[in-house]
């Protein structure tokens, strides 16, 4: 899977709470490229939630493998 989104290693809200400037929050050293699903998983983990990918069910009642 290709990386197509940018994730803040130290989140924007956490950076603001810690007194970081906007330039520090958006610095390249605080960014990483991730896929969409990975980004959702990381954001959910930061919020104390669990990311459950959506499963598509076929006509036969069994899950369809993602491409």
C-alpha atoms as a PDB file:
ATOM      1  CA  UNK A   1       0.000   0.000   0.000  1.00  0.00           C
ATOM      2  CA  UNK A   2       1.344   3.410  -0.929  1.00  0.00           C
ATOM      3  CA  UNK A   3       1.714   6.302   1.468  1.00  0.00           C
ATOM      4  CA  UNK A   4      -0.682   9.042   0.422  1.00  0.00           C
ATOM      5  CA  UNK A   5      -1.292  11.026   3.620  1.00  0.00           C
ATOM      6  CA  UNK A   6       0.819  12.952   6.126  1.00  0.00           C
ATOM      7  CA  UNK A   7       0.709  12.198   9.850  1.00  0.00           C
ATOM      8  CA  UNK A   8       1.992  14.482  12.630  1.00  0.00           C
ATOM      9  CA  UNK A   9       4.186  12.377  14.945  1.00  0.00           C
ATOM     10  CA  UNK A  10       3.379  14.747  17.800  1.00  0.00           C
ATOM     11  CA  UNK A  11      -0.233  15.691  17.119  1.00  0.00           C
ATOM     12  CA  UNK A  12      -1.256  19.273  16.481  1.00  0.00           C
ATOM     13  CA  UNK A  13      -3.257  19.537  19.699  1.00  0.00           C
ATOM     14  CA  UNK A  14      -0.465  17.960  21.763  1.00  0.00           C
ATOM     15  CA  UNK A  15       2.055  20.330  20.222  1.00  0.00           C
ATOM     16  CA  UNK A  16      -0.100  23.352  21.079  1.00  0.00           C
ATOM     17  CA  UNK A  17      -0.562  22.128  24.657  1.00  0.00           C
ATOM     18  CA  UNK A  18       3.226  21.768  24.962  1.00  0.00           C
ATOM     19  CA  UNK A  19       3.796  25.326  23.752  1.00  0.00           C
ATOM     20  CA  UNK A  20       5.135  24.436  20.288  1.00  0.00           C
ATOM     21  CA  UNK A  21       4.960  27.046  17.546  1.00  0.00           C
ATOM     22  CA  UNK A  22       3.059  26.251  14.337  1.00  0.00           C
ATOM     23  CA  UNK A  23       6.423  25.967  12.558  1.00  0.00           C
ATOM     24  CA  UNK A  24       7.569  23.320  15.069  1.00  0.00           C
ATOM     25  CA  UNK A  25       4.317  21.389  14.713  1.00  0.00           C
ATOM     26  CA  UNK A  26       4.572  21.364  10.898  1.00  0.00           C
ATOM     27  CA  UNK A  27       8.347  20.746  10.756  1.00  0.00           C
ATOM     28  CA  UNK A  28       9.402  17.902   8.462  1.00  0.00           C
ATOM     29  CA  UNK A  29      10.980  16.141  11.441  1.00  0.00           C
ATOM     30  CA  UNK A  30       7.479  15.906  12.985  1.00  0.00           C
ATOM     31  CA  UNK A  31       5.801  14.510   9.868  1.00  0.00           C
ATOM     32  CA  UNK A  32       5.655  11.040   8.360  1.00  0.00           C
ATOM     33  CA  UNK A  33       3.969   9.696   5.234  1.00  0.00           C
ATOM     34  CA  UNK A  34       1.453   6.918   5.759  1.00  0.00           C
ATOM     35  CA  UNK A  35      -1.327   5.132   3.898  1.00  0.00           C
ATOM     36  CA  UNK A  36      -4.950   6.094   4.533  1.00  0.00           C
ATOM     37  CA  UNK A  37      -5.669   2.982   6.649  1.00  0.00           C
ATOM     38  CA  UNK A  38      -2.460   3.428   8.648  1.00  0.00           C
ATOM     39  CA  UNK A  39      -3.360   7.084   9.293  1.00  0.00           C
ATOM     40  CA  UNK A  40      -6.814   6.081  10.574  1.00  0.00           C
ATOM     41  CA  UNK A  41      -5.210   3.454  12.820  1.00  0.00           C
ATOM     42  CA  UNK A  42      -2.664   5.938  14.225  1.00  0.00           C
ATOM     43  CA  UNK A  43      -5.303   8.611  14.858  1.00  0.00           C
ATOM     44  CA  UNK A  44      -7.585   6.092  16.582  1.00  0.00           C
ATOM     45  CA  UNK A  45      -4.728   4.892  18.808  1.00  0.00           C
ATOM     46  CA  UNK A  46      -3.925   8.484  19.826  1.00  0.00           C
ATOM     47  CA  UNK A  47      -7.573   8.945  20.815  1.00  0.00           C
ATOM     48  CA  UNK A  48      -7.609   5.692  22.797  1.00  0.00           C
ATOM     49  CA  UNK A  49      -9.819   3.942  20.255  1.00  0.00           C
ATOM     50  CA  UNK A  50      -9.413   0.794  18.176  1.00  0.00           C
ATOM     51  CA  UNK A  51      -9.508   1.016  14.390  1.00  0.00           C
ATOM     52  CA  UNK A  52     -11.593  -1.713  12.786  1.00  0.00           C
ATOM     53  CA  UNK A  53     -11.291  -1.785   9.008  1.00  0.00           C
ATOM     54  CA  UNK A  54     -14.557  -2.030   7.109  1.00  0.00           C
ATOM     55  CA  UNK A  55     -15.225  -5.564   5.866  1.00  0.00           C
ATOM     56  CA  UNK A  56     -17.208  -6.108   2.678  1.00  0.00           C
ATOM     57  CA  UNK A  57     -19.412  -9.188   2.697  1.00  0.00           C
ATOM     58  CA  UNK A  58     -20.079 -11.041  -0.561  1.00  0.00           C
ATOM     59  CA  UNK A  59     -23.383 -12.496  -1.729  1.00  0.00           C
ATOM     60  CA  UNK A  60     -22.343 -15.859  -0.283  1.00  0.00           C
ATOM     61  CA  UNK A  61     -22.072 -14.333   3.197  1.00  0.00           C
ATOM     62  CA  UNK A  62     -18.265 -14.559   3.384  1.00  0.00           C
ATOM     63  CA  UNK A  63     -15.865 -11.568   3.611  1.00  0.00           C
ATOM     64  CA  UNK A  64     -14.371 -10.362   0.350  1.00  0.00           C
ATOM     65  CA  UNK A  65     -10.576  -9.963   0.409  1.00  0.00           C
ATOM     66  CA  UNK A  66      -9.425  -6.388  -0.164  1.00  0.00           C
ATOM     67  CA  UNK A  67      -7.443  -5.863  -3.400  1.00  0.00           C
END
